[in-house]
Amino acid sequence: MNRRFDDDDFYYVDEESDKAEKRNKNKWMRGPVFRILITVCVAAILFFTFMLVFNVREVKVTGNEYCSADEVIEWVQKDKLASNSLYIWWKYNFTSVSQLPLVEASEIQLKNPWTVQVRVYEKGIIGYLVYDNKNTYFDKDGTVMLKTTDTLDGVPCIEGLDVSDVKLHKTLKVSDKKVFEYILEVSQMVQKYELSPDRVVFSGNDVTMYFGNVTVALGSNNLTDKLTQLAPILTKIRENYPDQKGTLHLENYTGTNTAISFEKEAAAEPAAEGNTDSSSEDVNNDDNLDTSYDEDTESYDENYDEDTDESNDENYDQDYDESYDGNYEEDSY
């Protein structure tokens, strides 16, 4: 045994015992218990870092028009672990989740570890109906998306639906749910051809649209052909008959049969002598969309006659008759 004495303090150190103690210490550090403790400590550090760094401080919502940002935020953070941004990102990108009633799809991204960006894609509104003095907007499935007193631009008012028990985020109760498919088809064509009807009335399969003073009776077939030509026809009618109320009949219009009739509505005031209460004009639907007089109609619009046929002007006839009669009598006698 090797011993080393210290002259000042009169004690000795057993070198072999010191080496054995170091070997035991190194052996313990290399043992499973120490490794488990190290693993637990590292995991605890990572966990608290994970919770602190990825703690949600802000949720930004974009793409919402009909549902509020608060509704979206509440939907995103509806479970206990949703305070962690990384968990939210994983849940809404890699698991199956149910969307909000007004939302078709959504995208979740992290702008930074503590900020969540939510992009929602709402369902398309195809129309609204007035129920209990409120505008009730619904989608292609008939789900009520919004109830408000406001009127949204570009959304037609739908009439002719017999509904009951209208509830927000619930499907409208109608006798035939296929009616929503028909409404969707008509609404898509209205948007495609850039039409803006004030109202769209459905009576069975017959469709009637209202554009200000002009009522357009479309019937039930060949809607694509009719709506394709409707915008220029309306423009021509407004040019020739400004502020004139009437009905544009397109029920029998087809690609080959281009006969179009505009039936003018009787004015509220008594009509002038020589004019009837109402009249009908044929609209020739060619490239120039000329408007011609219907020969079979007994009466016609006075303003239209003044612009198109001077021989029918009342003042012109009266001046001519007076001049002609006076000269004729002097010459005869």
Protein backbone atom coordinates (compact mmCIF):
# COMPACT_ATOMS: atom_id res chain seq x y z
CA MET A 1 0.00 0.00 0.00
CA ASN A 2 1.39 3.38 -1.03
CA ARG A 3 1.03 6.17 1.47
CA ARG A 4 1.90 9.80 1.07
CA PHE A 5 2.44 11.98 4.17
CA ASP A 6 1.81 15.66 4.40
CA ASP A 7 4.44 17.26 6.67
CA ASP A 8 2.34 20.22 7.65
CA ASP A 9 -0.93 18.52 8.64
CA PHE A 10 0.46 15.11 9.61
CA TYR A 11 -1.97 13.00 7.60
CA TYR A 12 -1.61 10.64 4.73
CA VAL A 13 -3.55 9.90 1.52
CA ASP A 14 -4.26 6.41 0.36
CA GLU A 15 -3.77 6.71 -3.43
CA GLU A 16 -5.29 3.34 -4.15
CA SER A 17 -8.48 4.19 -2.26
CA ASP A 18 -8.73 7.47 -4.14
CA LYS A 19 -8.48 5.70 -7.47
CA ALA A 20 -11.11 3.15 -6.43
CA GLU A 21 -13.48 5.92 -5.45
CA LYS A 22 -13.06 7.59 -8.83
CA ARG A 23 -13.71 4.29 -10.59
CA ASN A 24 -16.93 3.81 -8.64
CA LYS A 25 -18.06 7.35 -9.47
CA ASN A 26 -17.40 6.87 -13.17
CA LYS A 27 -19.17 3.54 -13.06
CA TRP A 28 -22.27 5.17 -11.52
CA MET A 29 -22.30 7.93 -14.14
CA ARG A 30 -22.21 5.34 -16.86
CA GLY A 31 -25.02 3.37 -15.25
CA PRO A 32 -28.71 3.22 -16.32
CA VAL A 33 -29.99 5.29 -13.41
CA PHE A 34 -27.85 8.26 -14.34
CA ARG A 35 -28.87 7.98 -17.97
CA ILE A 36 -32.53 7.95 -17.01
CA LEU A 37 -32.09 11.07 -14.89
CA ILE A 38 -30.33 12.86 -17.74
CA THR A 39 -33.10 11.84 -20.15
CA VAL A 40 -35.79 13.10 -17.79
CA CYS A 41 -34.03 16.43 -17.32
CA VAL A 42 -33.56 16.96 -21.04
CA ALA A 43 -37.19 16.04 -21.70
CA ALA A 44 -38.35 18.47 -19.00
CA ILE A 45 -36.26 21.27 -20.49
CA LEU A 46 -37.58 20.55 -23.98
CA PHE A 47 -41.17 20.37 -22.72
CA PHE A 48 -41.05 23.72 -20.92
CA THR A 49 -39.28 25.27 -23.89
CA PHE A 50 -41.94 23.82 -26.17
CA MET A 51 -44.75 25.18 -23.99
CA LEU A 52 -43.23 28.61 -23.51
CA VAL A 53 -41.91 29.28 -27.01
CA PHE A 54 -44.93 27.86 -28.88
CA ASN A 55 -47.50 29.40 -26.59
CA VAL A 56 -50.26 31.05 -28.66
CA ARG A 57 -50.35 34.79 -28.18
CA GLU A 58 -52.23 35.84 -31.31
CA VAL A 59 -54.58 34.26 -33.88
CA LYS A 60 -55.06 36.15 -37.16
CA VAL A 61 -58.10 35.37 -39.32
CA THR A 62 -58.45 36.17 -43.03
CA GLY A 63 -60.98 35.29 -45.75
CA ASN A 64 -64.01 35.61 -43.48
CA GLU A 65 -66.95 37.69 -44.65
CA TYR A 66 -70.03 36.09 -43.11
CA CYS A 67 -68.62 34.40 -39.99
CA SER A 68 -66.88 36.57 -37.40
CA ALA A 69 -63.20 36.37 -36.46
CA ASP A 70 -64.20 35.51 -32.87
CA GLU A 71 -66.13 32.46 -34.11
CA VAL A 72 -63.06 31.24 -36.03
CA ILE A 73 -60.72 31.81 -33.07
CA GLU A 74 -63.07 29.96 -30.73
CA TRP A 75 -63.23 27.08 -33.22
CA VAL A 76 -59.42 26.87 -33.45
CA GLN A 77 -58.85 26.94 -29.70
CA LYS A 78 -61.72 24.75 -28.58
CA ASP A 79 -59.70 21.99 -26.84
CA LYS A 80 -57.30 22.08 -23.87
CA LEU A 81 -54.05 21.72 -25.82
CA ALA A 82 -54.96 24.45 -28.29
CA SER A 83 -52.91 26.98 -26.35
CA ASN A 84 -49.88 25.55 -28.14
CA SER A 85 -49.36 26.80 -31.69
CA LEU A 86 -47.45 23.71 -32.88
CA TYR A 87 -50.29 21.48 -31.69
CA ILE A 88 -52.83 23.64 -33.56
CA TRP A 89 -50.76 23.45 -36.73
CA TRP A 90 -50.51 19.66 -36.47
CA LYS A 91 -54.18 19.13 -35.60
CA TYR A 92 -55.69 21.20 -38.42
CA ASN A 93 -53.26 20.03 -41.09
CA PHE A 94 -52.85 16.32 -40.36
CA THR A 95 -56.09 15.22 -38.70
CA SER A 96 -59.72 15.22 -39.78
CA VAL A 97 -61.62 18.12 -38.24
CA SER A 98 -65.15 19.42 -38.78
CA GLN A 99 -65.41 22.90 -40.28
CA LEU A 100 -67.64 25.73 -39.15
CA PRO A 101 -71.14 25.72 -40.73
CA LEU A 102 -70.28 28.66 -42.99
CA VAL A 103 -66.81 27.41 -43.95
CA GLU A 104 -66.00 25.12 -46.86
CA ALA A 105 -62.29 24.67 -46.00
CA SER A 106 -59.51 26.29 -43.96
CA GLU A 107 -55.72 26.60 -43.89
CA ILE A 108 -53.63 26.88 -40.71
CA GLN A 109 -50.08 28.28 -40.77
CA LEU A 110 -47.59 29.59 -38.22
CA LYS A 111 -46.26 33.06 -38.89
CA ASN A 112 -43.92 32.56 -35.93
CA PRO A 113 -43.92 30.21 -32.90
CA TRP A 114 -46.54 32.30 -31.08
CA THR A 115 -48.74 33.58 -33.94
CA VAL A 116 -51.30 31.39 -35.78
CA GLN A 117 -52.60 32.43 -39.23
CA VAL A 118 -56.05 31.05 -40.18
CA ARG A 119 -57.33 31.37 -43.77
CA VAL A 120 -60.98 30.36 -44.18
CA TYR A 121 -62.83 29.65 -47.42
CA GLU A 122 -66.51 30.30 -46.86
CA LYS A 123 -69.34 28.61 -48.68
CA GLY A 124 -70.81 30.57 -51.57
CA ILE A 125 -74.13 32.33 -51.04
CA ILE A 126 -76.49 31.75 -53.97
CA GLY A 127 -79.43 33.87 -52.83
CA TYR A 128 -81.57 35.12 -50.01
CA LEU A 129 -85.21 35.16 -49.04
CA VAL A 130 -87.09 37.48 -46.75
CA TYR A 131 -88.32 35.73 -43.61
CA ASP A 132 -89.62 37.46 -40.47
CA ASN A 133 -88.56 40.84 -41.91
CA LYS A 134 -84.95 39.68 -42.22
CA ASN A 135 -82.85 38.75 -45.23
CA THR A 136 -82.01 35.06 -44.89
CA TYR A 137 -78.97 34.11 -47.00
CA PHE A 138 -78.37 30.48 -47.92
CA ASP A 139 -75.82 28.38 -49.81
CA LYS A 140 -76.11 25.72 -52.52
CA ASP A 141 -77.28 23.14 -49.97
CA GLY A 142 -79.95 25.42 -48.54
CA THR A 143 -78.00 26.01 -45.33
CA VAL A 144 -78.82 29.35 -43.73
CA MET A 145 -75.56 31.27 -43.58
CA LEU A 146 -76.65 34.69 -42.44
CA LYS A 147 -79.72 36.51 -41.12
CA THR A 148 -79.57 40.27 -41.29
CA THR A 149 -81.48 43.39 -42.23
CA ASP A 150 -78.64 44.39 -44.57
CA THR A 151 -78.63 43.60 -48.29
CA LEU A 152 -75.45 42.14 -49.74
CA ASP A 153 -74.41 43.36 -53.17
CA GLY A 154 -74.67 40.90 -56.03
CA VAL A 155 -76.91 38.40 -54.21
CA PRO A 156 -80.37 37.97 -55.80
CA CYS A 157 -83.57 37.86 -53.79
CA ILE A 158 -85.25 34.48 -54.31
CA GLU A 159 -89.03 34.23 -54.19
CA GLY A 160 -91.42 31.35 -54.62
CA LEU A 161 -89.92 29.07 -51.95
CA ASP A 162 -92.32 27.70 -49.36
CA VAL A 163 -90.13 27.44 -46.26
CA SER A 164 -90.75 27.12 -42.55
CA ASP A 165 -88.71 27.06 -39.35
CA VAL A 166 -85.75 29.09 -40.58
CA LYS A 167 -82.77 28.70 -38.23
CA LEU A 168 -79.21 29.97 -38.54
CA HIS A 169 -76.69 27.35 -39.73
CA LYS A 170 -79.53 24.90 -40.42
CA THR A 171 -80.89 23.68 -43.74
CA LEU A 172 -84.06 25.31 -45.03
CA LYS A 173 -87.02 22.97 -44.89
CA VAL A 174 -88.64 22.73 -48.32
CA SER A 175 -90.81 20.11 -49.97
CA ASP A 176 -88.27 19.39 -52.73
CA LYS A 177 -84.57 19.87 -51.97
CA LYS A 178 -83.72 19.68 -55.67
CA VAL A 179 -84.97 23.25 -55.92
CA PHE A 180 -81.62 24.39 -54.48
CA GLU A 181 -79.79 22.71 -57.36
CA TYR A 182 -82.00 24.60 -59.79
CA ILE A 183 -81.44 27.88 -57.94
CA LEU A 184 -77.69 27.23 -57.95
CA GLU A 185 -77.74 26.61 -61.70
CA VAL A 186 -79.64 29.84 -62.36
CA SER A 187 -77.44 31.83 -59.95
CA GLN A 188 -74.26 30.59 -61.62
CA MET A 189 -75.57 31.64 -65.03
CA VAL A 190 -76.56 35.05 -63.65
CA GLN A 191 -73.01 35.56 -62.38
CA LYS A 192 -71.46 34.20 -65.56
CA TYR A 193 -73.33 36.64 -67.81
CA GLU A 194 -72.87 39.52 -65.33
CA LEU A 195 -76.56 40.10 -64.69
CA SER A 196 -77.89 41.83 -61.58
CA PRO A 197 -81.57 41.05 -61.09
CA ASP A 198 -83.35 42.67 -58.18
CA ARG A 199 -85.47 39.55 -57.68
CA VAL A 200 -85.67 36.03 -59.06
CA VAL A 201 -89.03 34.29 -58.74
CA PHE A 202 -89.37 30.52 -59.11
CA SER A 203 -92.77 29.06 -59.89
CA GLY A 204 -92.18 25.38 -60.38
CA ASN A 205 -89.56 25.31 -63.14
CA ASP A 206 -90.55 28.70 -64.55
CA VAL A 207 -88.15 31.56 -63.82
CA THR A 208 -88.99 35.26 -63.78
CA MET A 209 -86.43 37.99 -63.15
CA TYR A 210 -86.96 41.63 -62.26
CA PHE A 211 -84.57 44.36 -63.43
CA GLY A 212 -85.91 47.68 -62.21
CA ASN A 213 -89.01 48.47 -64.29
CA VAL A 214 -88.53 45.51 -66.60
CA THR A 215 -89.89 42.06 -65.84
CA VAL A 216 -88.25 39.22 -67.77
CA ALA A 217 -90.32 36.07 -68.22
CA LEU A 218 -87.82 33.30 -69.02
CA GLY A 219 -89.96 30.20 -68.81
CA SER A 220 -88.31 26.91 -67.94
CA ASN A 221 -86.13 25.82 -70.87
CA ASN A 222 -83.16 27.07 -72.91
CA LEU A 223 -82.11 29.34 -70.05
CA THR A 224 -78.53 29.49 -71.25
CA ASP A 225 -79.52 30.81 -74.70
CA LYS A 226 -81.88 33.34 -73.15
CA LEU A 227 -79.51 34.66 -70.49
CA THR A 228 -76.70 34.94 -73.04
CA GLN A 229 -78.72 37.54 -74.98
CA LEU A 230 -80.48 39.17 -72.05
CA ALA A 231 -77.95 41.92 -71.21
CA PRO A 232 -77.88 43.54 -74.70
CA ILE A 233 -81.67 43.20 -75.02
CA LEU A 234 -82.18 45.03 -71.71
CA THR A 235 -79.78 47.74 -72.82
CA LYS A 236 -81.73 48.26 -76.03
CA ILE A 237 -85.07 48.39 -74.21
CA ARG A 238 -83.77 51.03 -71.78
CA GLU A 239 -82.48 53.09 -74.67
CA ASN A 240 -85.76 53.00 -76.58
CA TYR A 241 -88.13 53.03 -73.61
CA PRO A 242 -86.50 54.89 -70.70
CA ASP A 243 -88.40 54.43 -67.41
CA GLN A 244 -91.01 52.33 -69.21
CA LYS A 245 -92.49 49.50 -67.18
CA GLY A 246 -93.20 46.31 -69.00
CA THR A 247 -92.57 42.60 -69.46
CA LEU A 248 -90.00 41.09 -71.77
CA HIS A 249 -91.30 37.73 -72.98
CA LEU A 250 -88.59 35.17 -73.62
CA GLU A 251 -90.59 32.03 -72.88
CA ASN A 252 -90.50 30.84 -76.50
CA TYR A 253 -87.04 32.12 -77.36
CA THR A 254 -84.61 29.53 -78.73
CA GLY A 255 -81.46 29.57 -80.79
CA THR A 256 -83.55 29.36 -83.97
CA ASN A 257 -86.73 31.15 -82.89
CA THR A 258 -85.61 34.70 -82.09
CA ALA A 259 -89.04 36.28 -81.72
CA ILE A 260 -88.98 38.55 -78.67
CA SER A 261 -91.89 40.62 -77.39
CA PHE A 262 -91.78 43.54 -74.96
CA GLU A 263 -95.21 44.23 -73.49
CA LYS A 264 -95.41 47.73 -72.06
CA GLU A 265 -97.38 48.23 -68.88
CA ALA A 266 -100.28 50.70 -68.82
CA ALA A 267 -99.47 54.04 -67.25
CA ALA A 268 -101.17 55.07 -64.03
CA GLU A 269 -102.47 58.31 -65.60
CA PRO A 270 -105.29 58.29 -68.16
CA ALA A 271 -103.91 57.68 -71.62
CA ALA A 272 -104.00 60.47 -74.24
CA GLU A 273 -106.77 60.36 -76.84
CA GLY A 274 -105.97 57.99 -79.65
CA ASN A 275 -103.71 55.79 -77.49
CA THR A 276 -104.67 52.55 -75.82
CA ASP A 277 -103.72 51.49 -72.30
CA SER A 278 -100.98 49.09 -73.26
CA SER A 279 -99.02 47.98 -76.27
CA SER A 280 -96.56 45.35 -77.32
CA GLU A 281 -93.41 45.71 -79.37
CA ASP A 282 -91.43 43.04 -81.15
CA VAL A 283 -87.72 43.15 -80.48
CA ASN A 284 -85.65 41.75 -83.32
CA ASN A 285 -82.71 40.02 -81.66
CA ASP A 286 -80.05 40.38 -84.37
CA ASP A 287 -76.49 41.70 -84.07
CA ASN A 288 -77.72 45.30 -83.83
CA LEU A 289 -80.65 44.37 -81.60
CA ASP A 290 -83.00 46.67 -83.58
CA THR A 291 -86.46 47.33 -82.21
CA SER A 292 -89.28 47.20 -84.76
CA TYR A 293 -92.98 47.94 -84.68
CA ASP A 294 -95.36 45.02 -84.49
CA GLU A 295 -97.72 45.30 -87.46
CA ASP A 296 -100.32 43.11 -85.80
CA THR A 297 -100.62 45.49 -82.85
CA GLU A 298 -103.38 48.10 -83.23
CA SER A 299 -101.72 50.76 -81.09
CA TYR A 300 -98.16 51.72 -80.26
CA ASP A 301 -96.19 53.97 -77.93
CA GLU A 302 -96.48 57.69 -78.67
CA ASN A 303 -92.87 58.54 -77.80
CA TYR A 304 -91.61 55.69 -79.95
CA ASP A 305 -93.72 56.90 -82.91
CA GLU A 306 -92.31 60.43 -82.66
CA ASP A 307 -88.78 59.04 -82.96
CA THR A 308 -89.41 56.54 -85.74
CA ASP A 309 -92.26 57.76 -87.99
CA GLU A 310 -92.82 61.50 -88.51
CA SER A 311 -95.98 60.83 -90.54
CA ASN A 312 -97.79 59.76 -87.40
CA ASP A 313 -97.05 62.99 -85.50
CA GLU A 314 -100.33 64.69 -84.44
CA ASN A 315 -99.01 68.26 -84.75
CA TYR A 316 -97.66 67.52 -88.20
CA ASP A 317 -101.06 66.20 -89.36
CA GLN A 318 -102.91 69.18 -87.91
CA ASP A 319 -100.64 71.80 -89.54
CA TYR A 320 -100.88 70.06 -92.87
CA ASP A 321 -104.69 69.78 -92.78
CA GLU A 322 -105.23 73.47 -91.96
CA SER A 323 -102.89 74.67 -94.69
CA TYR A 324 -104.26 72.32 -97.27
CA ASP A 325 -107.97 73.04 -96.57
CA GLY A 326 -107.56 76.83 -96.71
CA ASN A 327 -105.70 76.93 -99.97
CA TYR A 328 -107.99 74.41 -101.55
CA GLU A 329 -111.13 76.43 -100.82
CA GLU A 330 -109.67 79.69 -102.15
CA ASP A 331 -108.60 78.09 -105.37
CA SER A 332 -111.91 76.30 -105.91
CA TYR A 333 -114.15 79.24 -105.60
